[in-house]
Amino acid sequence: MAAIEVIRTSAEVNALVPEWVELWQRDPNATPFQRPEWLLSWWHHFGQSDLHIVCIRQGGRLIGLLPFYVYFDSAKNERQLLLVGAGTSDYLDGLFSRECTAAEACEGLVAIADGVTWDVAHLMQVLPHSPIYSGAIRIGAPAVEQIAGESCFRCPALPMAELPRKVRSDVRYFRSAALGRGTLRLHLADASSCKSCFEVLVDLHSARWRESGEAGVLSDPNVLGWHFEAVPLLEAAGCLRLYVLYLDAEPIASLYALVDPPTRSSRTEYFYLIGYSPAYAEIKPGTLITAMASEYAANEGVEFIDMLRGNEAYKKFWHVKEVPTYGISIARSALARH
């Protein structure tokens, strides 16, 4: 029988990080959005005071981890139990080794209902194979309300020569137009350059949004602080792919991505944020860096490119397929009775 504990203090959370990383490596379905470098950096800039991490252990070994926090929605006068990273992470979930069952994930939900004060759990952007999703469904209607999540979109990671014909033709055309102006160079950030490369992304992304008269997500100081903290940690963990595309010495596009580890049998790279110079819009720097980053990913053994949430028109150009996600709402009173 699994043992379940809920940890809350900074000291406990920091002590848990090595086990958290080790469990992430063992979870065949984990994405980089479940890494402690991503989530704890997020918590430092968006969290309030109610962090609750459910640890499921078997024989003392961590087999499941559910990172929750309580958010007070003043408009609804409702205390909501959410997964850490809610709102800014495209895939949300816990972590589970192969030994962790849906029943044990359900017991983790019961534990958070017994020891923490909240009104309703909203677990969004979850994939259907997750034990936390299956565990919640076990509780059954009407206690659990299933909600459609926001779909993500993915396509194969391909070298430019293997892109679909129309895509390949357009990429070649814009690449030729760019080369008519200078030399193209794709730079991949490393430990020494990841912070400066992220600053390039901020400048390009902000310039693009100013052109349309809007602020853009990187105008939020909390978002900026979160990513400036997370980027070097993700790079050190081997999960960061931060590209800058230069035309001669001038950066014209940047792409912030996360990637699955080489140990995964089927690897995905997640294209999280892109910025490009409006001054070069006619040569489509966003298209060029997407194609070049996809080729780089394919050459290092990545199978899929995930362009994440949002059904923007540009994604259809890349022949993406929809990846549905799901949500669940559960009243705490239903779990307390379970």
Protein backbone atom coordinates (compact mmCIF):
# COMPACT_ATOMS: atom_id res chain seq x y z
CA MET A 1 0.00 0.00 0.00
CA ALA A 2 1.33 3.43 -0.94
CA ALA A 3 2.12 6.04 1.69
CA ILE A 4 0.98 9.60 0.99
CA GLU A 5 2.30 12.82 2.48
CA VAL A 6 1.71 16.49 1.64
CA ILE A 7 4.68 18.83 1.89
CA ARG A 8 4.36 22.61 2.12
CA THR A 9 7.49 24.33 3.40
CA SER A 10 10.29 25.71 1.23
CA ALA A 11 12.83 23.52 3.03
CA GLU A 12 10.78 20.37 2.32
CA VAL A 13 10.26 21.34 -1.32
CA ASN A 14 13.95 22.10 -1.88
CA ALA A 15 14.92 18.78 -0.30
CA LEU A 16 12.47 17.01 -2.63
CA VAL A 17 13.99 18.36 -5.87
CA PRO A 18 16.50 15.51 -6.52
CA GLU A 19 13.73 12.91 -6.12
CA TRP A 20 11.42 15.05 -8.24
CA VAL A 21 13.96 15.08 -11.08
CA GLU A 22 14.57 11.34 -10.75
CA LEU A 23 10.82 10.63 -10.92
CA TRP A 24 10.52 12.91 -13.96
CA GLN A 25 13.15 10.76 -15.68
CA ARG A 26 11.15 7.60 -14.88
CA ASP A 27 7.77 8.95 -16.01
CA PRO A 28 7.47 7.98 -19.70
CA ASN A 29 4.80 10.62 -20.31
CA ALA A 30 6.33 13.58 -18.46
CA THR A 31 6.90 16.79 -20.40
CA PRO A 32 9.42 19.53 -19.50
CA PHE A 33 6.45 21.45 -18.13
CA GLN A 34 6.55 19.11 -15.11
CA ARG A 35 10.23 19.82 -14.34
CA PRO A 36 10.95 21.50 -10.98
CA GLU A 37 13.07 24.10 -12.81
CA TRP A 38 9.97 25.19 -14.73
CA LEU A 39 7.37 24.89 -11.98
CA LEU A 40 9.28 26.17 -8.96
CA SER A 41 10.56 29.19 -10.91
CA TRP A 42 6.92 29.83 -11.86
CA TRP A 43 5.89 29.50 -8.22
CA HIS A 44 8.50 32.01 -7.06
CA HIS A 45 6.90 34.69 -9.27
CA PHE A 46 3.20 33.77 -9.38
CA GLY A 47 2.59 31.75 -6.23
CA GLN A 48 0.84 32.90 -3.13
CA SER A 49 1.34 31.11 0.17
CA ASP A 50 -0.53 27.85 -0.31
CA LEU A 51 1.78 25.40 -2.09
CA HIS A 52 0.92 21.73 -1.43
CA ILE A 53 2.90 18.93 -3.09
CA VAL A 54 1.41 15.47 -2.69
CA CYS A 55 4.06 12.74 -2.55
CA ILE A 56 3.05 9.13 -3.16
CA ARG A 57 5.64 6.62 -1.96
CA GLN A 58 5.99 2.88 -2.19
CA GLY A 59 8.58 1.29 0.04
CA GLY A 60 9.96 4.75 0.68
CA ARG A 61 10.52 5.46 -3.03
CA LEU A 62 8.70 8.36 -4.70
CA ILE A 63 6.31 6.94 -7.34
CA GLY A 64 3.91 9.88 -7.71
CA LEU A 65 3.98 13.63 -7.27
CA LEU A 66 1.04 16.04 -7.54
CA PRO A 67 2.03 19.75 -7.36
CA PHE A 68 -0.96 21.82 -6.21
CA TYR A 69 -1.63 25.29 -4.91
CA VAL A 70 -4.72 27.12 -3.68
CA TYR A 71 -5.79 30.26 -5.53
CA PHE A 72 -8.54 32.53 -4.23
CA ASP A 73 -10.80 33.69 -7.07
CA SER A 74 -12.33 36.87 -5.64
CA ALA A 75 -14.82 37.21 -8.50
CA LYS A 76 -16.34 33.83 -7.62
CA ASN A 77 -15.49 34.00 -3.90
CA GLU A 78 -14.01 30.56 -4.42
CA ARG A 79 -10.84 28.86 -3.20
CA GLN A 80 -9.56 26.88 -6.19
CA LEU A 81 -7.15 23.98 -6.10
CA LEU A 82 -4.96 24.23 -9.21
CA LEU A 83 -1.93 22.48 -10.60
CA VAL A 84 1.24 24.57 -10.33
CA GLY A 85 1.88 26.29 -13.66
CA ALA A 86 -1.82 26.78 -14.45
CA GLY A 87 -2.48 29.39 -17.12
CA THR A 88 1.02 29.56 -18.57
CA SER A 89 1.89 25.87 -19.08
CA ASP A 90 0.38 24.10 -22.07
CA TYR A 91 0.47 20.64 -20.48
CA LEU A 92 -0.31 20.24 -16.77
CA ASP A 93 0.00 17.05 -14.78
CA GLY A 94 1.61 15.25 -11.91
CA LEU A 95 4.48 12.81 -12.25
CA PHE A 96 4.01 9.06 -12.06
CA SER A 97 6.29 6.06 -12.34
CA ARG A 98 4.89 2.99 -14.08
CA GLU A 99 4.11 1.50 -10.64
CA CYS A 100 1.77 4.35 -9.70
CA THR A 101 -1.86 3.49 -10.43
CA ALA A 102 -4.92 5.63 -11.03
CA ALA A 103 -6.22 4.43 -7.65
CA GLU A 104 -3.13 5.81 -5.92
CA ALA A 105 -3.45 9.09 -7.79
CA CYS A 106 -7.05 9.24 -6.58
CA GLU A 107 -5.83 8.68 -3.01
CA GLY A 108 -3.51 11.64 -3.53
CA LEU A 109 -6.54 13.76 -4.41
CA VAL A 110 -8.33 12.54 -1.31
CA ALA A 111 -5.30 13.43 0.83
CA ILE A 112 -5.29 16.99 -0.49
CA ALA A 113 -9.00 17.24 0.34
CA ASP A 114 -8.50 15.96 3.89
CA GLY A 115 -5.68 18.26 4.88
CA VAL A 116 -6.07 21.46 2.84
CA THR A 117 -8.87 24.03 2.76
CA TRP A 118 -10.29 24.73 -0.70
CA ASP A 119 -13.67 24.67 -2.43
CA VAL A 120 -13.22 23.22 -5.92
CA ALA A 121 -10.35 21.67 -7.87
CA HIS A 122 -9.89 22.75 -11.49
CA LEU A 123 -7.40 20.43 -13.16
CA MET A 124 -6.91 21.70 -16.72
CA GLN A 125 -4.69 20.91 -19.75
CA VAL A 126 -4.36 17.25 -18.73
CA LEU A 127 -3.87 14.40 -21.20
CA PRO A 128 -6.29 11.47 -20.94
CA HIS A 129 -3.61 8.86 -20.18
CA SER A 130 -2.63 10.67 -16.97
CA PRO A 131 -3.29 8.77 -13.72
CA ILE A 132 -4.55 12.01 -12.18
CA TYR A 133 -7.22 12.23 -14.90
CA SER A 134 -8.10 8.53 -14.63
CA GLY A 135 -8.06 8.75 -10.84
CA ALA A 136 -10.48 11.68 -10.81
CA ILE A 137 -12.81 9.97 -13.29
CA ARG A 138 -12.99 7.00 -10.90
CA ILE A 139 -14.83 9.21 -8.42
CA GLY A 140 -17.64 9.51 -10.95
CA ALA A 141 -20.47 11.89 -11.79
CA PRO A 142 -21.99 14.09 -10.52
CA ALA A 143 -19.02 14.77 -8.24
CA VAL A 144 -16.67 15.19 -11.19
CA GLU A 145 -17.41 17.49 -14.11
CA GLN A 146 -15.40 16.88 -17.26
CA ILE A 147 -14.42 19.97 -19.25
CA ALA A 148 -12.80 20.28 -22.66
CA GLY A 149 -9.29 21.70 -22.46
CA GLU A 150 -7.51 23.83 -25.04
CA SER A 151 -5.98 21.65 -27.74
CA CYS A 152 -2.31 21.67 -28.67
CA PHE A 153 -0.99 21.08 -32.18
CA ARG A 154 1.97 19.03 -33.35
CA CYS A 155 3.72 17.92 -36.51
CA PRO A 156 6.72 15.73 -37.35
CA ALA A 157 10.18 17.17 -36.78
CA LEU A 158 11.67 17.13 -40.28
CA PRO A 159 14.79 18.33 -42.08
CA MET A 160 13.98 21.09 -44.55
CA ALA A 161 14.46 18.73 -47.50
CA GLU A 162 11.67 16.48 -46.14
CA LEU A 163 9.06 19.15 -45.39
CA PRO A 164 5.74 18.95 -47.25
CA ARG A 165 6.16 20.26 -50.81
CA LYS A 166 4.39 23.64 -50.39
CA VAL A 167 6.08 24.26 -47.03
CA ARG A 168 9.48 23.35 -48.48
CA SER A 169 8.93 25.64 -51.45
CA ASP A 170 7.97 28.62 -49.29
CA VAL A 171 10.84 28.08 -46.87
CA ARG A 172 13.32 27.91 -49.75
CA TYR A 173 11.88 31.10 -51.25
CA PHE A 174 12.18 33.10 -48.03
CA ARG A 175 15.60 31.61 -47.28
CA SER A 176 16.81 32.70 -50.71
CA ALA A 177 15.39 36.19 -50.13
CA ALA A 178 17.21 36.39 -46.80
CA LEU A 179 20.47 35.18 -48.30
CA GLY A 180 20.16 37.92 -50.88
CA ARG A 181 20.63 40.36 -47.99
CA GLY A 182 23.38 38.63 -46.07
CA THR A 183 24.45 35.46 -44.25
CA LEU A 184 21.95 33.47 -42.19
CA ARG A 185 23.18 31.82 -39.00
CA LEU A 186 21.21 29.83 -36.43
CA HIS A 187 22.67 30.08 -32.93
CA LEU A 188 21.68 27.65 -30.16
CA ALA A 189 22.10 29.12 -26.69
CA ASP A 190 24.39 27.41 -24.20
CA ALA A 191 25.18 28.07 -20.54
CA SER A 192 27.24 31.15 -21.38
CA SER A 193 24.70 32.72 -23.73
CA CYS A 194 21.22 31.61 -22.61
CA LYS A 195 20.44 34.76 -20.63
CA SER A 196 21.59 37.13 -23.39
CA CYS A 197 19.70 35.06 -25.96
CA PHE A 198 16.57 35.31 -23.87
CA GLU A 199 17.04 39.10 -23.78
CA VAL A 200 17.12 39.01 -27.60
CA LEU A 201 13.83 37.09 -27.57
CA VAL A 202 12.29 39.66 -25.23
CA ASP A 203 13.35 42.54 -27.50
CA LEU A 204 12.09 40.86 -30.69
CA HIS A 205 8.83 39.65 -29.15
CA SER A 206 8.12 43.07 -27.63
CA ALA A 207 8.88 44.87 -30.92
CA ARG A 208 6.49 42.59 -32.80
CA TRP A 209 3.65 43.26 -30.34
CA ARG A 210 4.31 47.00 -30.26
CA GLU A 211 3.90 46.97 -34.03
CA SER A 212 0.35 45.66 -33.55
CA GLY A 213 -0.38 48.15 -30.75
CA GLU A 214 -0.40 45.55 -27.96
CA ALA A 215 1.89 44.85 -25.03
CA GLY A 216 2.49 41.10 -25.37
CA VAL A 217 2.97 38.52 -22.62
CA LEU A 218 6.60 39.47 -21.95
CA SER A 219 5.55 42.94 -20.80
CA ASP A 220 4.43 41.35 -17.49
CA PRO A 221 7.31 41.64 -14.96
CA ASN A 222 6.24 38.40 -13.27
CA VAL A 223 6.44 36.51 -16.57
CA LEU A 224 9.84 38.02 -17.28
CA GLY A 225 11.15 37.22 -13.81
CA TRP A 226 9.92 33.64 -14.06
CA HIS A 227 11.63 32.97 -17.39
CA PHE A 228 14.86 34.73 -16.46
CA GLU A 229 15.04 32.42 -13.45
CA ALA A 230 13.99 29.27 -15.33
CA VAL A 231 16.07 29.60 -18.51
CA PRO A 232 19.55 28.89 -17.04
CA LEU A 233 18.13 26.10 -14.87
CA LEU A 234 16.47 24.45 -17.85
CA GLU A 235 19.67 24.81 -19.88
CA ALA A 236 21.66 23.11 -17.12
CA ALA A 237 19.07 20.29 -17.05
CA GLY A 238 19.41 19.76 -20.83
CA CYS A 239 15.77 20.70 -21.49
CA LEU A 240 16.24 24.13 -23.09
CA ARG A 241 16.46 24.86 -26.79
CA LEU A 242 16.74 28.64 -27.24
CA TYR A 243 17.52 29.61 -30.82
CA VAL A 244 18.47 32.98 -32.31
CA LEU A 245 18.51 33.50 -36.08
CA TYR A 246 20.99 36.11 -37.27
CA LEU A 247 21.17 37.89 -40.62
CA ASP A 248 24.83 38.84 -40.63
CA ALA A 249 25.23 40.29 -37.10
CA GLU A 250 21.58 41.28 -36.61
CA PRO A 251 19.14 39.01 -34.76
CA ILE A 252 15.95 38.72 -36.81
CA ALA A 253 14.13 35.92 -34.93
CA SER A 254 14.28 33.92 -31.72
CA LEU A 255 12.54 30.75 -30.61
CA TYR A 256 12.21 29.50 -27.02
CA ALA A 257 11.61 25.75 -26.86
CA LEU A 258 11.76 22.88 -24.38
CA VAL A 259 12.72 19.33 -25.31
CA ASP A 260 12.27 15.79 -24.02
CA PRO A 261 15.41 13.96 -22.82
CA PRO A 262 17.40 11.67 -25.14
CA THR A 263 16.34 8.69 -23.02
CA ARG A 264 12.71 9.03 -24.21
CA SER A 265 11.78 6.51 -26.92
CA SER A 266 9.75 9.13 -28.78
CA ARG A 267 10.99 12.68 -28.18
CA THR A 268 9.06 15.92 -28.64
CA GLU A 269 10.31 19.48 -28.79
CA TYR A 270 7.84 22.11 -27.55
CA PHE A 271 7.94 25.48 -29.34
CA TYR A 272 6.86 27.75 -26.51
CA LEU A 273 7.50 31.34 -27.62
CA ILE A 274 8.74 33.05 -30.76
CA GLY A 275 9.77 36.60 -31.58
CA TYR A 276 10.86 38.20 -34.82
CA SER A 277 11.88 41.60 -36.13
CA PRO A 278 9.02 43.48 -37.82
CA ALA A 279 11.66 45.19 -39.98
CA TYR A 280 12.24 41.87 -41.77
CA ALA A 281 8.63 40.70 -41.91
CA GLU A 282 8.67 40.35 -45.71
CA ILE A 283 11.24 37.50 -45.54
CA LYS A 284 9.23 35.66 -42.87
CA PRO A 285 11.88 35.25 -40.16
CA GLY A 286 9.39 33.37 -37.98
CA THR A 287 8.88 30.77 -40.70
CA LEU A 288 12.62 30.49 -41.29
CA ILE A 289 13.54 29.94 -37.64
CA THR A 290 10.72 27.42 -37.23
CA ALA A 291 12.00 25.40 -40.20
CA MET A 292 15.65 25.64 -39.10
CA ALA A 293 14.84 24.72 -35.49
CA SER A 294 12.72 21.79 -36.69
CA GLU A 295 15.65 20.56 -38.78
CA TYR A 296 18.01 20.90 -35.79
CA ALA A 297 15.55 18.95 -33.63
CA ALA A 298 15.18 16.18 -36.25
CA ASN A 299 18.95 15.86 -36.53
CA GLU A 300 19.25 15.27 -32.78
CA GLY A 301 16.60 12.54 -32.80
CA VAL A 302 13.43 14.48 -31.97
CA GLU A 303 10.32 12.94 -33.56
CA PHE A 304 7.68 15.64 -33.07
CA ILE A 305 7.40 19.41 -32.88
CA ASP A 306 4.58 20.54 -30.58
CA MET A 307 3.40 24.08 -31.30
CA LEU A 308 1.27 23.98 -28.16
CA ARG A 309 -2.02 25.76 -27.48
CA GLY A 310 -3.92 28.00 -29.84
CA ASN A 311 -5.41 27.32 -33.25
CA GLU A 312 -3.56 30.18 -34.98
CA ALA A 313 -3.63 30.20 -38.76
CA TYR A 314 0.14 29.94 -39.11
CA LYS A 315 0.15 26.50 -37.49
CA LYS A 316 -1.94 25.04 -40.34
CA PHE A 317 0.92 25.90 -42.70
CA TRP A 318 3.02 23.25 -40.88
CA HIS A 319 0.42 20.47 -41.35
CA VAL A 320 -0.20 20.12 -37.62
CA LYS A 321 -2.48 17.57 -36.00
CA GLU A 322 -4.64 18.34 -33.00
CA VAL A 323 -3.75 17.00 -29.54
CA PRO A 324 -6.83 17.38 -27.31
CA THR A 325 -6.40 18.05 -23.61
CA TYR A 326 -9.03 17.75 -20.91
CA GLY A 327 -10.10 19.34 -17.69
CA ILE A 328 -11.86 18.17 -14.55
CA SER A 329 -13.68 20.08 -11.83
CA ILE A 330 -14.16 18.36 -8.47
CA ALA A 331 -15.87 19.73 -5.39
CA ARG A 332 -13.79 19.21 -2.24
CA SER A 333 -16.86 17.96 -0.42
CA ALA A 334 -17.11 15.08 -2.91
CA LEU A 335 -13.52 14.02 -2.25
CA ALA A 336 -13.94 14.30 1.50
CA ARG A 337 -16.83 11.83 1.28
CA HIS A 338 -14.97 9.49 -1.11
